[in-house]
Protein backbone atom coordinates (compact mmCIF):
# COMPACT_ATOMS: atom_id res chain seq x y z
CA MET A 1 18.85 26.25 -15.84
CA ASP A 2 15.49 27.69 -14.61
CA ILE A 3 12.17 26.09 -15.47
CA GLN A 4 8.57 27.10 -14.65
CA THR A 5 5.64 24.82 -14.15
CA ASP A 6 2.33 24.71 -12.31
CA VAL A 7 3.07 21.71 -10.09
CA VAL A 8 6.26 19.92 -9.30
CA ILE A 9 5.99 16.48 -7.80
CA VAL A 10 8.97 14.97 -6.03
CA GLY A 11 8.68 11.20 -6.38
CA ALA A 12 7.05 9.00 -9.10
CA GLY A 13 5.87 6.19 -6.85
CA GLY A 14 2.39 5.04 -6.50
CA GLY A 15 0.96 8.35 -5.46
CA GLY A 16 3.27 10.76 -7.44
CA ALA A 17 2.85 9.01 -10.78
CA ILE A 18 -0.89 8.94 -10.40
CA LEU A 19 -1.08 12.51 -9.36
CA GLY A 20 0.99 13.59 -12.28
CA LEU A 21 -1.27 11.60 -14.64
CA LEU A 22 -4.39 13.15 -13.23
CA LEU A 23 -3.13 16.70 -13.37
CA ALA A 24 -1.93 16.28 -16.88
CA LYS A 25 -5.41 15.12 -17.79
CA LYS A 26 -6.88 18.31 -16.21
CA GLY A 27 -4.51 20.42 -18.31
CA LEU A 28 -2.09 21.59 -15.57
CA LYS A 29 1.48 21.86 -16.40
CA THR A 30 3.27 19.28 -14.18
CA LEU A 31 6.73 17.95 -13.72
CA VAL A 32 7.44 14.67 -11.87
CA LEU A 33 10.96 14.16 -10.51
CA GLU A 34 12.20 10.68 -9.88
CA GLN A 35 15.66 10.02 -8.39
CA ASN A 36 15.91 6.47 -9.89
CA PRO A 37 17.28 6.14 -13.39
CA GLY A 38 14.12 4.51 -14.78
CA PRO A 39 11.02 2.51 -14.05
CA PRO A 40 11.43 0.16 -11.02
CA THR A 41 12.72 -3.32 -11.48
CA GLY A 42 13.16 -4.68 -8.07
CA LEU A 43 11.08 -7.47 -6.50
CA ARG A 44 8.20 -6.40 -4.43
CA GLY A 45 4.83 -8.01 -3.58
CA GLU A 46 1.94 -6.64 -5.52
CA ILE A 47 -1.79 -6.91 -4.51
CA LEU A 48 -4.20 -4.37 -6.16
CA GLN A 49 -7.09 -3.96 -3.74
CA PRO A 50 -10.59 -2.97 -4.99
CA ASN A 51 -10.18 0.73 -4.34
CA GLY A 52 -7.06 0.81 -6.38
CA GLN A 53 -8.83 -1.08 -9.14
CA GLN A 54 -11.55 1.56 -9.12
CA ILE A 55 -8.89 4.33 -9.67
CA LEU A 56 -7.08 2.56 -12.55
CA ASP A 57 -10.50 1.85 -14.10
CA GLN A 58 -11.37 5.55 -13.88
CA LEU A 59 -8.13 6.28 -15.69
CA ASN A 60 -8.84 3.62 -18.29
CA LEU A 61 -5.88 1.72 -17.22
CA LEU A 62 -7.26 -1.35 -15.51
CA ASP A 63 -7.82 -3.10 -18.86
CA LYS A 64 -4.27 -2.03 -19.95
CA LEU A 65 -2.71 -4.14 -17.26
CA PRO A 66 -1.12 -7.16 -19.27
CA LYS A 67 -3.55 -10.04 -18.75
CA GLU A 68 -0.54 -12.48 -18.46
CA ALA A 69 0.73 -10.41 -15.38
CA VAL A 70 -2.49 -10.39 -13.35
CA ASN A 71 -4.12 -13.17 -11.28
CA PRO A 72 -7.64 -12.40 -9.64
CA VAL A 73 -8.00 -14.11 -6.23
CA ARG A 74 -11.36 -14.54 -4.50
CA HIS A 75 -10.45 -16.50 -1.21
CA PHE A 76 -8.00 -15.67 1.44
CA HIS A 77 -7.69 -18.50 3.97
CA PHE A 78 -6.23 -17.85 7.47
CA ARG A 79 -4.78 -20.98 9.09
CA GLN A 80 -3.05 -21.70 12.40
CA ILE A 81 0.45 -23.00 11.84
CA GLY A 82 0.36 -26.65 12.48
CA GLY A 83 -3.44 -26.55 13.15
CA LYS A 84 -6.93 -25.84 11.69
CA ARG A 85 -8.28 -23.20 9.26
CA LEU A 86 -9.33 -20.26 11.27
CA CYS A 87 -11.25 -18.17 8.72
CA THR A 88 -11.82 -17.59 5.04
CA ILE A 89 -12.33 -14.13 3.67
CA ASP A 90 -14.36 -14.11 0.48
CA TYR A 91 -13.95 -11.08 -1.79
CA ASP A 92 -17.20 -12.14 -3.61
CA LEU A 93 -19.05 -10.42 -0.71
CA LEU A 94 -18.08 -7.10 -2.39
CA PRO A 95 -20.01 -5.49 -5.20
CA GLN A 96 -19.04 -6.29 -8.74
CA PRO A 97 -16.93 -5.79 -10.73
CA TYR A 98 -14.27 -5.09 -7.96
CA ASN A 99 -14.99 -8.26 -6.01
CA ARG A 100 -11.48 -9.84 -6.32
CA ALA A 101 -8.02 -9.00 -5.13
CA LEU A 102 -5.63 -8.72 -8.10
CA VAL A 103 -2.27 -10.26 -7.55
CA THR A 104 0.16 -8.81 -10.04
CA LEU A 105 3.64 -9.62 -11.02
CA PRO A 106 6.20 -7.12 -9.68
CA ASN A 107 5.89 -3.42 -10.84
CA THR A 108 3.14 -4.26 -13.33
CA VAL A 109 0.83 -1.51 -12.10
CA HIS A 110 3.61 0.92 -11.74
CA HIS A 111 4.93 0.43 -15.17
CA THR A 112 1.51 0.86 -16.72
CA VAL A 113 0.92 4.09 -14.95
CA LEU A 114 4.34 5.50 -15.81
CA ALA A 115 3.89 4.59 -19.48
CA GLU A 116 0.62 6.40 -19.44
CA LEU A 117 2.06 9.44 -17.68
CA GLU A 118 4.83 9.71 -20.34
CA ALA A 119 2.19 9.45 -23.14
CA GLN A 120 -0.14 12.10 -21.58
CA ASN A 121 2.65 14.39 -20.48
CA PRO A 122 5.80 14.04 -22.74
CA GLN A 123 8.91 15.50 -21.07
CA GLY A 124 6.98 15.68 -17.91
CA LEU A 125 8.71 12.80 -16.12
CA TRP A 126 12.37 13.31 -15.17
CA TYR A 127 14.30 10.24 -14.10
CA ASP A 128 17.79 10.39 -12.48
CA THR A 129 16.71 13.66 -10.80
CA SER A 130 17.28 14.23 -7.00
CA PHE A 131 15.47 16.86 -4.98
CA THR A 132 18.01 19.09 -3.06
CA SER A 133 16.10 21.95 -1.53
CA LEU A 134 12.96 24.16 -1.57
CA LEU A 135 12.64 27.59 -3.16
CA LYS A 136 10.94 30.17 -0.88
CA ASN A 137 9.57 33.60 -0.83
CA GLY A 138 9.25 34.31 2.85
CA ASP A 139 7.16 31.49 4.27
CA THR A 140 5.72 30.43 0.89
CA ILE A 141 7.14 27.62 -1.07
CA THR A 142 7.80 28.70 -4.68
CA GLY A 143 9.59 25.67 -6.24
CA VAL A 144 12.50 23.34 -5.78
CA GLU A 145 16.12 22.92 -6.58
CA ALA A 146 17.23 19.64 -7.93
CA GLN A 147 20.10 17.77 -9.55
CA THR A 148 19.40 16.16 -12.94
CA GLN A 149 21.96 14.21 -14.87
CA GLY A 150 24.78 16.00 -12.94
CA LYS A 151 23.34 19.42 -13.52
CA SER A 152 21.59 21.82 -11.09
CA VAL A 153 18.15 23.12 -12.02
CA ARG A 154 15.71 25.50 -10.32
CA ILE A 155 12.05 24.77 -10.95
CA SER A 156 9.53 27.37 -9.93
CA ALA A 157 5.96 26.11 -9.31
CA LYS A 158 2.75 27.27 -7.77
CA VAL A 159 2.61 23.98 -5.67
CA VAL A 160 5.29 21.59 -4.61
CA VAL A 161 4.17 17.99 -3.77
CA GLY A 162 6.29 15.71 -1.65
CA ALA A 163 5.62 12.10 -2.76
CA ASP A 164 9.09 10.86 -1.74
CA GLY A 165 8.31 8.30 0.78
CA PRO A 166 8.43 7.73 4.60
CA PHE A 167 11.85 9.39 4.93
CA SER A 168 10.71 12.27 2.83
CA ARG A 169 13.35 15.03 2.19
CA VAL A 170 10.67 17.50 1.06
CA ARG A 171 8.92 16.90 4.46
CA GLU A 172 12.34 17.41 6.23
CA LYS A 173 13.03 20.70 4.32
CA LEU A 174 9.47 21.93 5.22
CA GLY A 175 10.26 21.32 8.78
CA ILE A 176 7.13 19.34 9.51
CA ALA A 177 7.34 17.38 12.70
CA THR A 178 6.75 13.70 12.09
CA GLN A 179 6.45 10.53 14.29
CA LEU A 180 8.45 7.74 12.69
CA HIS A 181 7.94 4.31 14.17
CA ARG A 182 9.93 1.24 12.97
CA TYR A 183 8.15 -2.01 13.66
CA LYS A 184 10.02 -4.87 15.41
CA GLU A 185 8.96 -7.22 12.53
CA SER A 186 9.59 -6.85 8.74
CA TYR A 187 9.16 -9.26 5.92
CA LEU A 188 11.24 -11.43 3.55
CA VAL A 189 9.49 -11.52 0.09
CA SER A 190 10.05 -14.07 -2.66
CA ILE A 191 8.30 -15.00 -5.91
CA LEU A 192 8.94 -18.51 -7.13
CA PRO A 193 7.62 -20.94 -9.93
CA CYS A 194 4.71 -22.87 -8.52
CA PRO A 195 4.19 -26.39 -9.92
CA GLU A 196 1.25 -26.83 -7.44
CA GLN A 197 -0.70 -24.13 -9.40
CA LEU A 198 -2.45 -22.56 -6.39
CA GLU A 199 -5.66 -20.59 -6.95
CA GLU A 200 -6.22 -19.24 -3.49
CA SER A 201 -4.22 -17.24 -0.91
CA GLN A 202 -3.14 -18.54 2.44
CA TYR A 203 -2.00 -16.87 5.69
CA PHE A 204 -0.34 -19.08 8.21
CA LEU A 205 -0.26 -17.60 11.73
CA GLY A 206 1.75 -18.89 14.60
CA GLU A 207 3.66 -17.76 17.59
CA LYS A 208 5.70 -14.90 16.32
CA GLU A 209 5.59 -16.42 12.90
CA ILE A 210 3.59 -15.62 9.75
CA LEU A 211 3.81 -16.96 6.16
CA GLY A 212 1.57 -15.45 3.47
CA VAL A 213 1.24 -17.30 0.19
CA PHE A 214 -0.38 -15.46 -2.74
CA PRO A 215 -0.78 -17.20 -6.15
CA ALA A 216 0.39 -14.90 -9.04
CA ALA A 217 0.25 -15.10 -12.80
CA LYS A 218 2.41 -17.36 -14.96
CA HIS A 219 2.21 -20.18 -12.41
CA GLN A 220 4.20 -18.24 -9.82
CA VAL A 221 3.57 -17.58 -6.16
CA TYR A 222 4.58 -14.83 -3.74
CA LEU A 223 5.69 -15.80 -0.20
CA PHE A 224 5.86 -13.26 2.55
CA TYR A 225 7.64 -14.45 5.60
CA MET A 226 7.85 -12.38 8.80
CA ILE A 227 11.23 -11.89 10.30
CA ALA A 228 12.72 -9.65 13.04
CA SER A 229 13.59 -6.31 11.54
CA ASP A 230 17.27 -6.67 12.45
CA SER A 231 17.71 -10.36 11.51
CA LEU A 232 18.29 -10.52 7.82
CA LYS A 233 22.02 -10.89 8.03
CA GLN A 234 21.58 -13.68 10.49
CA ILE A 235 19.04 -15.44 8.45
CA LYS A 236 21.23 -15.31 5.39
CA ALA A 237 24.14 -16.66 7.40
CA GLN A 238 21.99 -19.69 8.21
CA GLY A 239 21.67 -20.38 4.47
CA VAL A 240 18.86 -20.91 2.00
CA GLU A 241 18.36 -24.46 3.05
CA ALA A 242 17.45 -23.46 6.61
CA LEU A 243 14.82 -21.06 5.25
CA GLN A 244 13.48 -23.80 3.01
CA ARG A 245 13.02 -26.01 6.08
CA LYS A 246 11.12 -23.47 7.95
CA TRP A 247 8.70 -22.85 5.04
CA ARG A 248 8.20 -26.57 4.47
CA ALA A 249 7.38 -27.06 8.19
CA ILE A 250 4.67 -24.38 7.88
CA TYR A 251 3.22 -25.50 4.51
CA PRO A 252 4.34 -28.98 3.57
CA ASP A 253 1.99 -29.08 0.55
CA LEU A 254 4.13 -26.37 -1.21
CA GLU A 255 7.33 -28.46 -1.08
CA HIS A 256 7.96 -28.30 -4.84
CA THR A 257 7.65 -24.54 -4.95
CA ILE A 258 9.79 -24.10 -1.85
CA HIS A 259 12.50 -26.30 -3.29
CA GLY A 260 12.70 -23.70 -6.15
CA LEU A 261 14.34 -21.15 -3.76
CA GLU A 262 17.92 -21.62 -4.69
CA SER A 263 19.51 -18.10 -4.06
CA TRP A 264 18.95 -15.06 -1.98
CA ASP A 265 18.63 -13.20 -5.26
CA GLN A 266 15.11 -14.51 -5.41
CA THR A 267 14.25 -12.70 -2.26
CA ALA A 268 13.77 -9.04 -1.19
CA TYR A 269 13.75 -7.44 2.28
CA MET A 270 10.60 -5.33 3.01
CA GLY A 271 11.21 -3.15 5.98
CA THR A 272 8.10 -1.91 7.93
CA GLY A 273 7.31 1.54 9.54
CA ARG A 274 4.78 4.12 10.15
CA ALA A 275 4.94 7.85 9.49
CA ARG A 276 2.53 10.34 11.06
CA ALA A 277 3.27 13.94 9.88
CA LYS A 278 1.81 16.57 12.14
CA THR A 279 0.31 18.38 9.09
CA TRP A 280 0.42 17.47 5.47
CA VAL A 281 0.39 21.03 4.07
CA ALA A 282 2.40 24.32 4.04
CA GLU A 283 2.15 27.44 2.11
CA GLY A 284 2.45 26.18 -1.53
CA ALA A 285 3.39 22.64 -0.56
CA VAL A 286 1.63 19.35 0.30
CA LEU A 287 2.61 15.77 1.17
CA ILE A 288 1.01 12.66 0.03
CA GLY A 289 1.31 8.82 0.52
CA ASP A 290 4.07 7.51 2.71
CA ALA A 291 5.56 11.03 3.11
CA ALA A 292 2.50 11.93 4.99
CA HIS A 293 1.13 8.66 6.47
CA GLY A 294 3.21 5.46 5.91
CA MET A 295 1.54 2.41 7.51
CA ASN A 296 2.29 -1.30 8.20
CA PRO A 297 1.46 -3.64 5.28
CA HIS A 298 -1.02 -5.51 7.43
CA ALA A 299 -3.47 -2.88 6.36
CA SER A 300 -3.05 -3.94 2.70
CA GLN A 301 -3.50 -0.28 1.80
CA GLY A 302 -0.26 1.55 1.80
CA ARG A 303 0.17 2.00 -1.89
CA MET A 304 -3.67 2.18 -2.46
CA GLN A 305 -3.97 5.10 0.00
CA ALA A 306 -1.23 6.91 -1.96
CA MET A 307 -3.39 6.47 -5.02
CA VAL A 308 -6.45 7.70 -3.25
CA ASP A 309 -4.54 10.70 -2.03
CA ALA A 310 -3.59 11.49 -5.66
CA VAL A 311 -7.19 11.50 -6.75
CA ALA A 312 -8.34 13.76 -3.80
CA LEU A 313 -5.50 16.03 -4.21
CA SER A 314 -5.95 16.46 -7.96
CA GLU A 315 -9.56 17.76 -7.29
CA VAL A 316 -8.35 20.16 -4.56
CA LEU A 317 -5.55 21.45 -6.87
CA ALA A 318 -7.88 22.08 -9.72
CA LYS A 319 -9.92 24.22 -7.43
CA CYS A 320 -6.80 25.98 -6.14
CA PHE A 321 -5.79 26.77 -9.77
CA SER A 322 -9.31 27.95 -10.66
CA GLN A 323 -9.18 30.48 -7.70
CA ASP A 324 -5.47 31.23 -7.91
CA ASN A 325 -5.07 30.33 -4.26
CA TYR A 326 -2.21 27.83 -3.15
CA SER A 327 -2.19 28.73 0.58
CA ALA A 328 -2.01 26.16 3.29
CA ASP A 329 -5.67 27.01 4.11
CA ALA A 330 -6.69 26.07 0.57
CA LEU A 331 -4.62 22.93 0.44
CA LYS A 332 -5.87 21.83 3.90
CA ALA A 333 -9.13 20.74 2.27
CA PHE A 334 -7.14 17.81 1.04
CA GLU A 335 -5.86 16.87 4.43
CA ARG A 336 -9.25 17.23 6.15
CA GLN A 337 -10.81 14.87 3.42
CA ARG A 338 -8.03 12.20 3.62
CA ARG A 339 -6.80 11.97 7.22
CA PRO A 340 -9.74 10.32 8.94
CA GLN A 341 -9.46 7.20 6.63
CA VAL A 342 -5.75 7.05 6.69
CA GLU A 343 -5.47 7.17 10.55
CA MET A 344 -8.22 4.55 10.86
CA LEU A 345 -6.21 2.27 8.69
CA GLN A 346 -3.07 3.01 10.59
CA ARG A 347 -4.82 2.12 13.85
CA LEU A 348 -6.28 -1.03 12.26
CA ALA A 349 -2.87 -2.13 11.13
CA ASP A 350 -1.31 -1.56 14.54
CA GLU A 351 -4.03 -3.72 16.11
CA GLU A 352 -3.27 -6.45 13.63
CA VAL A 353 0.44 -6.18 14.35
CA LEU A 354 -0.38 -6.64 18.04
CA PHE A 355 -2.48 -9.77 17.55
CA TRP A 356 -1.10 -11.36 14.41
CA ASN A 357 2.53 -10.95 15.20
CA THR A 358 2.20 -12.13 18.87
CA ALA A 359 4.02 -14.82 20.79
CA ASN A 360 1.64 -14.18 23.72
CA PRO A 361 -0.65 -17.14 24.21
CA LEU A 362 -3.53 -15.14 25.50
CA LEU A 363 -3.34 -12.69 22.60
CA ALA A 364 -3.00 -15.58 20.07
CA TRP A 365 -6.08 -17.25 21.69
CA LEU A 366 -8.04 -13.95 21.23
CA ARG A 367 -6.89 -13.64 17.69
CA ASN A 368 -7.92 -17.19 16.81
CA ARG A 369 -11.23 -16.77 18.45
CA VAL A 370 -11.92 -13.59 16.60
CA PHE A 371 -10.95 -15.20 13.19
CA SER A 372 -13.24 -18.28 13.98
CA THR A 373 -16.15 -15.85 14.78
CA ILE A 374 -15.65 -13.83 11.59
CA ASP A 375 -15.53 -17.17 9.58
CA HIS A 376 -19.31 -17.74 10.48
CA ASN A 377 -20.36 -14.06 10.67
CA ARG A 378 -20.95 -12.49 7.23
CA ARG A 379 -21.75 -9.04 8.71
CA LEU A 380 -18.42 -8.82 10.49
CA GLN A 381 -16.58 -10.42 7.67
CA TYR A 382 -18.02 -7.76 5.32
CA GLN A 383 -16.93 -5.03 7.65
CA VAL A 384 -13.37 -6.17 7.84
CA LEU A 385 -13.19 -6.90 4.11
CA THR A 386 -14.41 -3.37 3.15
CA ALA A 387 -11.69 -1.89 5.29
CA THR A 388 -9.03 -4.13 3.73
CA ALA A 389 -10.44 -3.25 0.22
CA GLY A 390 -10.28 0.51 1.03
CA LEU A 391 -14.01 0.98 0.71
CA ARG A 392 -14.79 2.37 4.15
CA LYS A 393 -13.60 5.31 6.08
CA THR A 394 -14.86 4.26 9.56
CA PRO A 395 -13.41 1.48 11.76
CA PRO A 396 -14.76 -2.00 10.88
CA PHE A 397 -15.51 -2.78 14.48
CA GLY A 398 -17.31 -0.77 17.25
CA MET A 399 -17.17 -1.87 20.88
CA ILE A 400 -20.23 -4.05 20.59
CA ASP A 401 -18.77 -5.71 17.34
CA ARG A 402 -15.47 -6.42 19.35
CA LEU A 403 -17.47 -8.20 22.14
CA GLN A 404 -19.38 -10.25 19.59
CA ALA A 405 -16.24 -11.06 17.61
CA VAL A 406 -14.60 -12.50 20.76
CA GLY A 407 -17.77 -14.42 21.48
CA PHE A 408 -18.74 -12.60 24.68
CA LEU A 409 -22.01 -11.36 23.20
CA PRO A 410 -24.41 -13.01 20.59
CA ASP A 411 -24.79 -11.27 17.33
CA PRO A 412 -28.50 -11.34 16.11
CA ARG A 413 -27.34 -9.61 12.91
CA ALA A 414 -24.58 -12.13 11.99
CA ASN A 415 -26.05 -12.79 8.53
CA GLN A 416 -27.08 -9.23 7.85
CA LEU A 417 -25.36 -7.47 4.90
CA PRO A 418 -25.99 -3.96 3.60
CA SER A 419 -29.11 -3.55 1.56
CA HIS A 420 -27.21 -3.33 -1.78
CA MET A 421 -25.68 -6.67 -1.03
CA VAL A 422 -28.83 -8.60 0.14
CA SER A 423 -29.39 -10.08 -3.32
CA ARG A 424 -25.85 -11.63 -3.50
């Protein structure tokens, strides 16, 4: 079976689904291939940052998120395990209307986007379809071969987009050199009923120990617990009760919620890694999202950056089609636009891994000192928050900022915010 389309997208994740929807709205014939049999159903933590909210709003999807599945959160408190509050990050520093983090129930955003994609592009989303190889004419990519429902299909396209995650098979077939880094720590995620009815998020930081607590809708709460990347089997062997004891020792006030953890079926393992592809483009092909630039979840931007990729690439592809030019040089405009912010966020996440995940007393002391400074410095807090929210493309701290954050230099501008925020 042979099919022709304008763009074929391999992967219907956060970036691929958004890109498919945007291209359909631009009138380009697009086919999105997804290897899973249907929309995702697994447990995963979901925080929609302001830049992601902006994108959904532009697509008229933000208001389509089920109200009963979304919980806006203003304050994120960072606390030392067994000790004091270190810092509170206040999303109200950001300009309205995107001045909250939205904690959503699992897959809420993804299901909303996929439903809209199918409405805008009927027959343009194929589930249970696996990419197998690329079609080529010399060095130019001209389409893909795939298996769909047990049958082989050849799909010719002007552009092939790899949106198939950090272990991208599209990237592999393109022969693009990539640095893959597996972090030493990953996360155990759970969502539990919350009798305590929390309204604000908490991060507890200790010596090689982190527990994140994020209130979700329907009186539920997400818990993110840092574990060694190779320790899941050992942790399960110790039993659910052992994990409950660890969590209660960190956050005693959440005892009733923690008691609701009864089975490992209420948890999911979230591995962490970083991908840095040497290039994101080839002749007639391009990578987006984790296939190009996976990052540690400390940045709070992995899924958001895939969405931003989709917006930027949709504009570049529209220009490519208007000029009938699908070369690597034409597609490179996308990479030039996006790579600076992505690499900044990857570096920021790696710094946070170094200091947040540490068991080194000196690094922990520096971490806590920086948090305490930020708690009383609105300028630095705003700069950190705009990075987390995906609203800046430059690093939040310069060298002088770092010295001020540690307390080695005074900051005469500690209460100074950008002019458009002065009235707030």
